[in-house]
Amino acid sequence: MDDLLADDWHNEFDAICERVCKYIPRLEMRDHAKSFLRGLVGGAHRKNSWHLAESAGYSRPDSLQRLLAQASWDSDKVRDELQVYIAEKLGDPNGVVIVDETGFLKKGVKSAGVNRQYSGTAGRVENSQIGVFLAYSSSRGSALIDRELYLPQVWIDDKDRRKEAKIPESIEFLTKPQLAVSMFRRVIDSNMPFYWAVGDEVYGRDDQLRQMLEDEGKGYVLAVPCNVHYYLNDQIGTTREHAEQLADDQWQRLSCGSGTKGERYYDWALVAFQNLAKSGFQKALLFRRSIEKPDEIAYFICHYTPSTKIEEVVRVAGSRWAIESAFEQAKQQVGLDQYEVRLWTGWYRHMTLCMFSYAFLEVVRSKQVSKPKSVVEGMPQDSQKN
């Protein structure tokens, strides 16, 4: 390995350890946090406390388990520091913030928020926890920047179960879009440099989220169902009905970005509403049609400055892949889903440390995109030693 590349890797890792550990009061726990982070980005076979402890040379996982469950530190402050880190390293005024959820399959009924509910990870109803996340994407890279655990109503109503999982009494039931609103509010208040917001139908049909983004002068490309009614071209109709009335010359074949198999081409149509929004922005419906299966059409409600071209709106629509990729890579590379904690606090701490670790890897990748793959995908072997 090139010594300069290894030095860069180590220096960046030391920097994120300093950022995290300044919010952990006890020196002993700071050392354990460094071991935990080193294991997440290193060669541990799995990223739970037992394997991370073994990787760090501990005889037992007790110290790392205390870090997640009992030690005194605020994971929300570390999350805020993560957002500062991402803004510094990957920030772009034209950045995109994407909201989506991912499932964590679980056994038993003790883990905070676990319930039989639909999990996109499994593609069916499963016993699982659901986390709602924000990801940040720019031309410089992508990373997860916020997280909330969805708590089903059955958990809100069960005081004994809440107490056992140590869920704070102040936590009330919030829908997934309401969780998204609170997270978007945080990134806006933190001055995270972004212009666009992206999400699927769960979030696109939420009036509160769209209104907040409009009030804050943010553009958005949010998916909506086929049966939502809009007044367009002097008539009210569903998104599907409006799509059926589009003329052939209204469709344009454009790429929404590169994927694992090359450029992702679809046919697109962008139809603006007659009047500008109160924000002074243009609102429009965006239609995406499959080339191979023309009957497959996706629909988006959009909000952008009037001078924005369709190519830019299409690019933003395609940026949603960034959070899907982040989920997959964070689970594979830093063990986002490999936790064995049951308590509310433990879930947030594990997620936050994994997100910071994944952000570190993304920052290193952004610096070394043309360098050897081994440098940016895991901890150099000699650095796995304490």
Protein backbone atom coordinates (compact mmCIF):
# COMPACT_ATOMS: atom_id res chain seq x y z
CA MET A 1 0.00 0.00 0.00
CA ASP A 2 1.20 3.48 -0.83
CA ASP A 3 2.42 5.11 2.40
CA LEU A 4 0.83 8.45 1.51
CA LEU A 5 -2.55 6.81 0.95
CA ALA A 6 -2.30 4.90 4.22
CA ASP A 7 -1.36 8.09 6.07
CA ASP A 8 -4.35 9.88 4.56
CA TRP A 9 -6.62 7.01 5.63
CA HIS A 10 -5.29 7.03 9.19
CA ASN A 11 -5.39 10.81 9.50
CA GLU A 12 -9.01 10.95 8.40
CA PHE A 13 -9.95 8.13 10.76
CA ASP A 14 -8.24 9.87 13.68
CA ALA A 15 -10.15 13.03 12.79
CA ILE A 16 -13.57 11.35 12.98
CA CYS A 17 -12.61 9.70 16.27
CA GLU A 18 -11.87 13.15 17.68
CA ARG A 19 -15.19 14.45 16.40
CA VAL A 20 -17.11 11.61 18.04
CA CYS A 21 -15.15 11.36 21.28
CA LYS A 22 -15.47 15.01 22.24
CA TYR A 23 -19.09 14.19 23.15
CA ILE A 24 -18.11 11.24 25.37
CA PRO A 25 -17.05 12.56 28.81
CA ARG A 26 -15.15 9.58 30.23
CA LEU A 27 -11.68 8.82 28.86
CA GLU A 28 -12.20 5.07 29.20
CA MET A 29 -15.37 5.21 27.11
CA ARG A 30 -13.60 7.32 24.50
CA ASP A 31 -11.08 4.52 24.07
CA HIS A 32 -13.91 2.01 23.71
CA ALA A 33 -15.61 4.26 21.15
CA LYS A 34 -12.42 4.34 19.09
CA SER A 35 -12.23 0.55 19.23
CA PHE A 36 -15.88 0.33 18.19
CA LEU A 37 -15.35 2.68 15.23
CA ARG A 38 -12.14 0.88 14.24
CA GLY A 39 -14.02 -2.40 14.20
CA LEU A 40 -16.87 -0.98 12.12
CA VAL A 41 -14.56 0.16 9.32
CA GLY A 42 -12.15 -2.73 9.78
CA GLY A 43 -12.05 -6.43 9.26
CA ALA A 44 -14.44 -7.74 11.92
CA HIS A 45 -16.44 -10.63 10.46
CA ARG A 46 -19.64 -9.19 11.87
CA LYS A 47 -20.22 -5.81 13.43
CA ASN A 48 -21.96 -6.76 16.67
CA SER A 49 -20.38 -6.20 20.07
CA TRP A 50 -18.94 -9.72 20.37
CA HIS A 51 -17.09 -9.63 17.06
CA LEU A 52 -16.04 -6.00 17.47
CA ALA A 53 -14.64 -6.84 20.91
CA GLU A 54 -12.70 -9.77 19.49
CA SER A 55 -11.34 -7.56 16.70
CA ALA A 56 -10.20 -5.02 19.30
CA GLY A 57 -8.48 -7.67 21.42
CA TYR A 58 -11.02 -7.58 24.27
CA SER A 59 -11.78 -10.83 26.08
CA ARG A 60 -15.46 -9.89 26.48
CA PRO A 61 -17.86 -7.40 24.84
CA ASP A 62 -19.02 -5.80 28.11
CA SER A 63 -17.21 -2.51 27.53
CA LEU A 64 -18.64 -2.05 24.04
CA GLN A 65 -22.10 -3.03 25.24
CA ARG A 66 -21.87 -0.37 27.97
CA LEU A 67 -20.89 2.14 25.31
CA LEU A 68 -24.18 1.49 23.52
CA ALA A 69 -26.48 0.97 26.48
CA GLN A 70 -25.31 2.68 29.65
CA ALA A 71 -22.44 5.12 29.14
CA SER A 72 -23.15 8.84 29.44
CA TRP A 73 -23.13 10.47 26.00
CA ASP A 74 -25.62 12.06 23.64
CA SER A 75 -25.94 10.40 20.24
CA ASP A 76 -27.93 13.37 18.91
CA LYS A 77 -24.92 15.64 19.45
CA VAL A 78 -22.77 13.15 17.57
CA ARG A 79 -25.38 13.14 14.78
CA ASP A 80 -25.18 16.93 14.63
CA GLU A 81 -21.39 16.66 14.40
CA LEU A 82 -21.81 14.14 11.59
CA GLN A 83 -23.84 16.69 9.65
CA VAL A 84 -21.12 19.29 10.16
CA TYR A 85 -18.56 16.76 8.90
CA ILE A 86 -20.61 15.95 5.79
CA ALA A 87 -21.20 19.64 5.07
CA GLU A 88 -17.45 20.27 5.24
CA LYS A 89 -16.37 17.23 3.23
CA LEU A 90 -19.18 16.64 0.73
CA GLY A 91 -21.25 19.82 0.89
CA ASP A 92 -22.58 21.51 -2.25
CA PRO A 93 -25.22 24.29 -2.47
CA ASN A 94 -26.97 22.17 -5.11
CA GLY A 95 -26.91 19.07 -2.90
CA VAL A 96 -29.84 16.68 -2.53
CA VAL A 97 -31.33 15.38 0.72
CA ILE A 98 -33.20 12.10 0.29
CA VAL A 99 -35.65 10.53 2.73
CA ASP A 100 -36.39 6.83 2.82
CA GLU A 101 -36.87 3.98 5.25
CA THR A 102 -35.24 0.62 5.69
CA GLY A 103 -36.19 -2.44 7.70
CA PHE A 104 -34.21 -4.43 10.23
CA LEU A 105 -35.51 -7.99 10.58
CA LYS A 106 -35.71 -9.13 14.20
CA LYS A 107 -36.73 -12.13 16.27
CA GLY A 108 -38.78 -11.76 19.43
CA VAL A 109 -40.80 -8.85 20.76
CA LYS A 110 -38.32 -7.05 23.06
CA SER A 111 -36.44 -4.74 20.66
CA ALA A 112 -37.75 -1.18 20.72
CA GLY A 113 -40.32 -0.62 17.97
CA VAL A 114 -40.28 -4.19 16.67
CA ASN A 115 -43.57 -5.26 15.16
CA ARG A 116 -45.03 -7.29 12.33
CA GLN A 117 -45.00 -4.59 9.67
CA TYR A 118 -44.13 -4.15 6.03
CA SER A 119 -40.40 -4.09 5.44
CA GLY A 120 -39.06 -2.97 2.09
CA THR A 121 -35.88 -4.87 2.93
CA ALA A 122 -37.81 -8.15 2.94
CA GLY A 123 -40.46 -7.03 0.45
CA ARG A 124 -43.23 -8.32 2.73
CA VAL A 125 -44.68 -8.08 6.23
CA GLU A 126 -42.09 -9.30 8.72
CA ASN A 127 -41.19 -8.96 12.37
CA SER A 128 -38.93 -5.95 12.09
CA GLN A 129 -37.87 -2.51 13.19
CA ILE A 130 -38.25 0.34 10.70
CA GLY A 131 -35.81 3.22 10.59
CA VAL A 132 -36.49 6.44 8.68
CA PHE A 133 -33.29 8.02 7.38
CA LEU A 134 -32.00 11.05 5.52
CA ALA A 135 -29.11 10.79 3.10
CA TYR A 136 -27.09 13.60 1.59
CA SER A 137 -25.90 13.42 -2.01
CA SER A 138 -23.75 15.75 -4.05
CA SER A 139 -21.25 15.50 -6.88
CA ARG A 140 -18.63 14.87 -4.17
CA GLY A 141 -20.27 11.81 -2.61
CA SER A 142 -23.18 10.53 -0.53
CA ALA A 143 -23.77 9.63 3.13
CA LEU A 144 -26.50 8.99 5.68
CA ILE A 145 -27.02 12.05 7.89
CA ASP A 146 -30.01 11.44 10.19
CA ARG A 147 -32.13 8.63 11.59
CA GLU A 148 -35.33 8.06 13.52
CA LEU A 149 -36.82 4.80 14.78
CA TYR A 150 -40.46 4.41 13.79
CA LEU A 151 -42.54 3.49 16.83
CA PRO A 152 -45.87 1.80 15.94
CA GLN A 153 -49.00 2.81 17.83
CA VAL A 154 -49.05 -0.54 19.64
CA TRP A 155 -45.79 0.44 21.32
CA ILE A 156 -47.06 3.89 22.24
CA ASP A 157 -50.03 2.31 24.02
CA ASP A 158 -48.05 -0.32 25.95
CA LYS A 159 -46.49 1.41 28.97
CA ASP A 160 -44.82 -1.73 30.34
CA ARG A 161 -43.21 -2.56 27.03
CA ARG A 162 -42.01 1.02 26.61
CA LYS A 163 -40.50 0.99 30.09
CA GLU A 164 -38.66 -2.27 29.46
CA ALA A 165 -37.15 -0.90 26.23
CA LYS A 166 -36.38 2.39 28.04
CA ILE A 167 -38.30 4.51 25.57
CA PRO A 168 -38.57 8.07 26.96
CA GLU A 169 -42.03 9.05 28.17
CA SER A 170 -41.87 12.15 25.98
CA ILE A 171 -41.91 10.06 22.79
CA GLU A 172 -45.29 10.26 21.06
CA PHE A 173 -46.62 8.51 17.99
CA LEU A 174 -45.33 10.08 14.78
CA THR A 175 -45.99 8.89 11.26
CA LYS A 176 -43.04 8.30 8.97
CA PRO A 177 -43.66 11.60 7.12
CA GLN A 178 -43.80 13.41 10.48
CA LEU A 179 -40.44 11.89 11.38
CA ALA A 180 -39.17 13.10 8.00
CA VAL A 181 -40.42 16.63 8.71
CA SER A 182 -38.52 16.73 12.00
CA MET A 183 -35.32 15.54 10.32
CA PHE A 184 -35.62 17.98 7.41
CA ARG A 185 -36.19 20.75 9.95
CA ARG A 186 -32.92 19.82 11.65
CA VAL A 187 -30.84 19.86 8.46
CA ILE A 188 -32.40 23.17 7.42
CA ASP A 189 -31.72 24.72 10.83
CA SER A 190 -28.14 23.41 10.75
CA ASN A 191 -27.53 25.22 7.44
CA MET A 192 -26.65 21.99 5.65
CA PRO A 193 -25.93 23.10 2.07
CA PHE A 194 -28.68 21.60 -0.08
CA TYR A 195 -31.29 22.75 -2.53
CA TRP A 196 -33.27 19.63 -3.45
CA ALA A 197 -35.38 17.15 -1.47
CA VAL A 198 -36.32 13.72 -2.80
CA GLY A 199 -38.54 10.94 -1.48
CA ASP A 200 -40.95 8.18 -2.47
CA GLU A 201 -44.76 8.15 -2.37
CA VAL A 202 -44.94 7.82 1.42
CA TYR A 203 -43.42 11.29 1.70
CA GLY A 204 -44.55 12.85 -1.58
CA ARG A 205 -48.20 12.79 -0.63
CA ASP A 206 -47.60 14.47 2.74
CA ASP A 207 -48.85 18.07 2.66
CA GLN A 208 -46.89 19.15 5.74
CA LEU A 209 -43.54 18.05 4.34
CA ARG A 210 -44.12 19.68 0.96
CA GLN A 211 -45.32 22.92 2.54
CA MET A 212 -42.31 23.14 4.84
CA LEU A 213 -39.93 22.67 1.92
CA GLU A 214 -41.77 25.31 -0.10
CA ASP A 215 -41.71 27.77 2.81
CA GLU A 216 -37.95 27.25 3.14
CA GLY A 217 -37.31 27.87 -0.57
CA LYS A 218 -36.25 24.30 -1.32
CA GLY A 219 -36.83 22.47 -4.55
CA TYR A 220 -38.23 18.96 -4.46
CA VAL A 221 -38.99 15.96 -6.65
CA LEU A 222 -41.29 13.70 -4.64
CA ALA A 223 -43.01 10.58 -5.93
CA VAL A 224 -46.81 10.45 -5.74
CA PRO A 225 -49.34 7.66 -6.40
CA CYS A 226 -51.20 7.19 -9.66
CA ASN A 227 -54.56 8.16 -8.14
CA VAL A 228 -53.79 11.63 -6.75
CA HIS A 229 -55.85 14.41 -8.35
CA TYR A 230 -54.29 17.59 -9.76
CA TYR A 231 -55.61 20.52 -11.77
CA LEU A 232 -53.49 20.51 -14.90
CA ASN A 233 -54.11 21.77 -18.43
CA ASP A 234 -57.45 23.27 -17.38
CA GLN A 235 -58.86 20.01 -16.03
CA ILE A 236 -58.85 17.94 -12.87
CA GLY A 237 -57.62 14.39 -13.17
CA THR A 238 -55.48 11.75 -11.55
CA THR A 239 -51.80 11.55 -12.32
CA ARG A 240 -52.52 8.44 -14.39
CA GLU A 241 -55.23 10.24 -16.39
CA HIS A 242 -52.90 13.17 -17.07
CA ALA A 243 -50.21 10.74 -18.27
CA GLU A 244 -52.66 9.12 -20.69
CA GLN A 245 -53.30 12.48 -22.33
CA LEU A 246 -49.66 13.29 -23.03
CA ALA A 247 -48.74 13.62 -26.69
CA ASP A 248 -45.83 11.68 -28.15
CA ASP A 249 -43.76 14.83 -28.61
CA GLN A 250 -44.03 15.67 -24.90
CA TRP A 251 -41.84 12.71 -23.97
CA GLN A 252 -38.04 12.99 -23.93
CA ARG A 253 -35.59 10.12 -23.57
CA LEU A 254 -33.12 11.11 -20.87
CA SER A 255 -30.75 9.45 -18.42
CA CYS A 256 -31.37 10.05 -14.72
CA GLY A 257 -27.81 9.02 -13.88
CA SER A 258 -25.52 6.06 -14.12
CA GLY A 259 -26.26 2.77 -12.39
CA THR A 260 -24.57 -0.59 -12.05
CA LYS A 261 -25.42 -1.38 -15.68
CA GLY A 262 -24.62 2.03 -17.16
CA GLU A 263 -26.81 5.05 -17.84
CA ARG A 264 -30.42 4.71 -16.64
CA TYR A 265 -32.57 5.85 -19.54
CA TYR A 266 -36.32 6.42 -19.39
CA ASP A 267 -38.85 8.49 -21.28
CA TRP A 268 -39.75 11.62 -19.30
CA ALA A 269 -42.40 14.34 -19.55
CA LEU A 270 -42.53 17.49 -17.43
CA VAL A 271 -45.81 19.43 -17.38
CA ALA A 272 -45.89 22.70 -15.45
CA PHE A 273 -48.89 23.99 -13.53
CA GLN A 274 -50.35 27.17 -14.95
CA ASN A 275 -49.62 29.41 -11.96
CA LEU A 276 -46.47 29.74 -9.89
CA ALA A 277 -46.54 28.66 -6.25
CA LYS A 278 -46.67 31.28 -3.47
CA SER A 279 -42.93 30.72 -3.10
CA GLY A 280 -42.42 32.04 -6.63
CA PHE A 281 -41.29 28.58 -7.70
CA GLN A 282 -42.73 26.54 -10.53
CA LYS A 283 -44.74 23.45 -9.63
CA ALA A 284 -45.12 20.62 -12.10
CA LEU A 285 -45.86 16.95 -12.60
CA LEU A 286 -43.01 14.77 -13.81
CA PHE A 287 -43.77 11.48 -15.54
CA ARG A 288 -41.25 8.64 -15.97
CA ARG A 289 -42.06 5.88 -18.44
CA SER A 290 -40.17 2.62 -18.85
CA ILE A 291 -38.72 2.13 -22.32
CA GLU A 292 -39.12 -1.65 -22.29
CA LYS A 293 -42.49 -1.63 -20.49
CA PRO A 294 -44.32 1.58 -21.51
CA ASP A 295 -47.26 0.77 -19.23
CA GLU A 296 -44.99 1.24 -16.21
CA ILE A 297 -45.16 4.94 -15.35
CA ALA A 298 -43.99 6.70 -12.19
CA TYR A 299 -45.29 10.10 -11.10
CA PHE A 300 -43.63 12.98 -9.24
CA ILE A 301 -44.76 16.33 -7.88
CA CYS A 302 -42.02 18.93 -8.37
CA HIS A 303 -41.15 22.38 -7.04
CA TYR A 304 -38.26 24.34 -8.57
CA THR A 305 -37.15 27.74 -9.82
CA PRO A 306 -38.79 28.62 -13.15
CA SER A 307 -35.49 28.59 -15.05
CA THR A 308 -34.77 24.94 -14.17
CA LYS A 309 -34.43 22.61 -17.16
CA ILE A 310 -36.02 19.17 -17.41
CA GLU A 311 -32.56 17.57 -17.48
CA GLU A 312 -31.89 18.89 -13.98
CA VAL A 313 -35.26 17.74 -12.64
CA VAL A 314 -34.66 14.28 -14.11
CA ARG A 315 -31.18 14.16 -12.57
CA VAL A 316 -32.65 14.95 -9.16
CA ALA A 317 -35.39 12.34 -9.57
CA GLY A 318 -32.69 9.77 -10.26
CA SER A 319 -30.67 10.73 -7.19
CA ARG A 320 -32.95 8.65 -4.97
CA TRP A 321 -30.72 5.67 -5.79
CA ALA A 322 -28.09 7.27 -3.51
CA ILE A 323 -29.95 6.39 -0.31
CA GLU A 324 -30.74 2.88 -1.53
CA SER A 325 -27.06 2.40 -2.29
CA ALA A 326 -26.14 3.88 1.10
CA PHE A 327 -28.41 1.41 2.91
CA GLU A 328 -26.91 -1.52 1.05
CA GLN A 329 -23.31 -0.44 1.51
CA ALA A 330 -23.72 0.64 5.14
CA LYS A 331 -25.23 -2.73 6.00
CA GLN A 332 -22.50 -4.62 4.18
CA GLN A 333 -19.49 -2.49 5.12
CA VAL A 334 -20.14 -1.05 8.60
CA GLY A 335 -22.85 -3.35 9.98
CA LEU A 336 -25.78 -0.95 10.03
CA ASP A 337 -28.11 -3.93 10.50
CA GLN A 338 -25.79 -6.18 12.53
CA TYR A 339 -26.67 -4.96 16.00
CA GLU A 340 -27.96 -6.95 18.95
CA VAL A 341 -29.22 -4.07 21.08
CA ARG A 342 -32.82 -3.97 22.25
CA LEU A 343 -33.06 -0.63 24.01
CA TRP A 344 -34.15 2.66 22.43
CA THR A 345 -30.87 4.39 23.26
CA GLY A 346 -28.79 1.48 21.98
CA TRP A 347 -30.49 1.60 18.58
CA TYR A 348 -29.76 5.31 18.14
CA ARG A 349 -26.16 4.95 19.29
CA HIS A 350 -25.42 2.02 17.00
CA MET A 351 -27.00 3.78 14.02
CA THR A 352 -25.13 7.01 14.69
CA LEU A 353 -21.72 5.36 15.00
CA CYS A 354 -22.37 3.29 11.87
CA MET A 355 -23.45 6.39 9.96
CA PHE A 356 -20.29 8.24 11.01
CA SER A 357 -18.17 5.25 9.99
CA TYR A 358 -19.87 5.01 6.62
CA ALA A 359 -19.46 8.76 6.10
CA PHE A 360 -15.75 8.37 6.80
CA LEU A 361 -15.46 5.68 4.11
CA GLU A 362 -17.36 7.86 1.65
CA VAL A 363 -15.10 10.83 2.34
CA VAL A 364 -12.02 8.68 1.79
CA ARG A 365 -13.55 7.36 -1.43
CA SER A 366 -14.22 10.88 -2.63
CA LYS A 367 -10.55 11.72 -2.09
CA GLN A 368 -9.18 8.55 -3.61
CA VAL A 369 -11.58 7.68 -6.42
CA SER A 370 -8.72 6.74 -8.70
CA LYS A 371 -6.71 4.88 -6.05
CA PRO A 372 -6.54 1.15 -5.25
CA LYS A 373 -9.86 -0.28 -4.09
CA SER A 374 -8.34 -1.83 -0.95
CA VAL A 375 -7.46 1.60 0.39
CA VAL A 376 -10.98 2.91 0.51
CA GLU A 377 -13.15 -0.11 1.29
CA GLY A 378 -11.74 -1.16 4.63
CA MET A 379 -9.24 -0.56 7.36
CA PRO A 380 -5.64 -1.28 6.34
CA GLN A 381 -4.66 -4.54 8.01
CA ASP A 382 -1.97 -3.06 10.24
CA SER A 383 -4.41 -0.48 11.61
CA GLN A 384 -6.71 -3.12 13.08
CA LYS A 385 -4.32 -3.51 15.98
CA ASN A 386 -4.76 -1.38 19.08
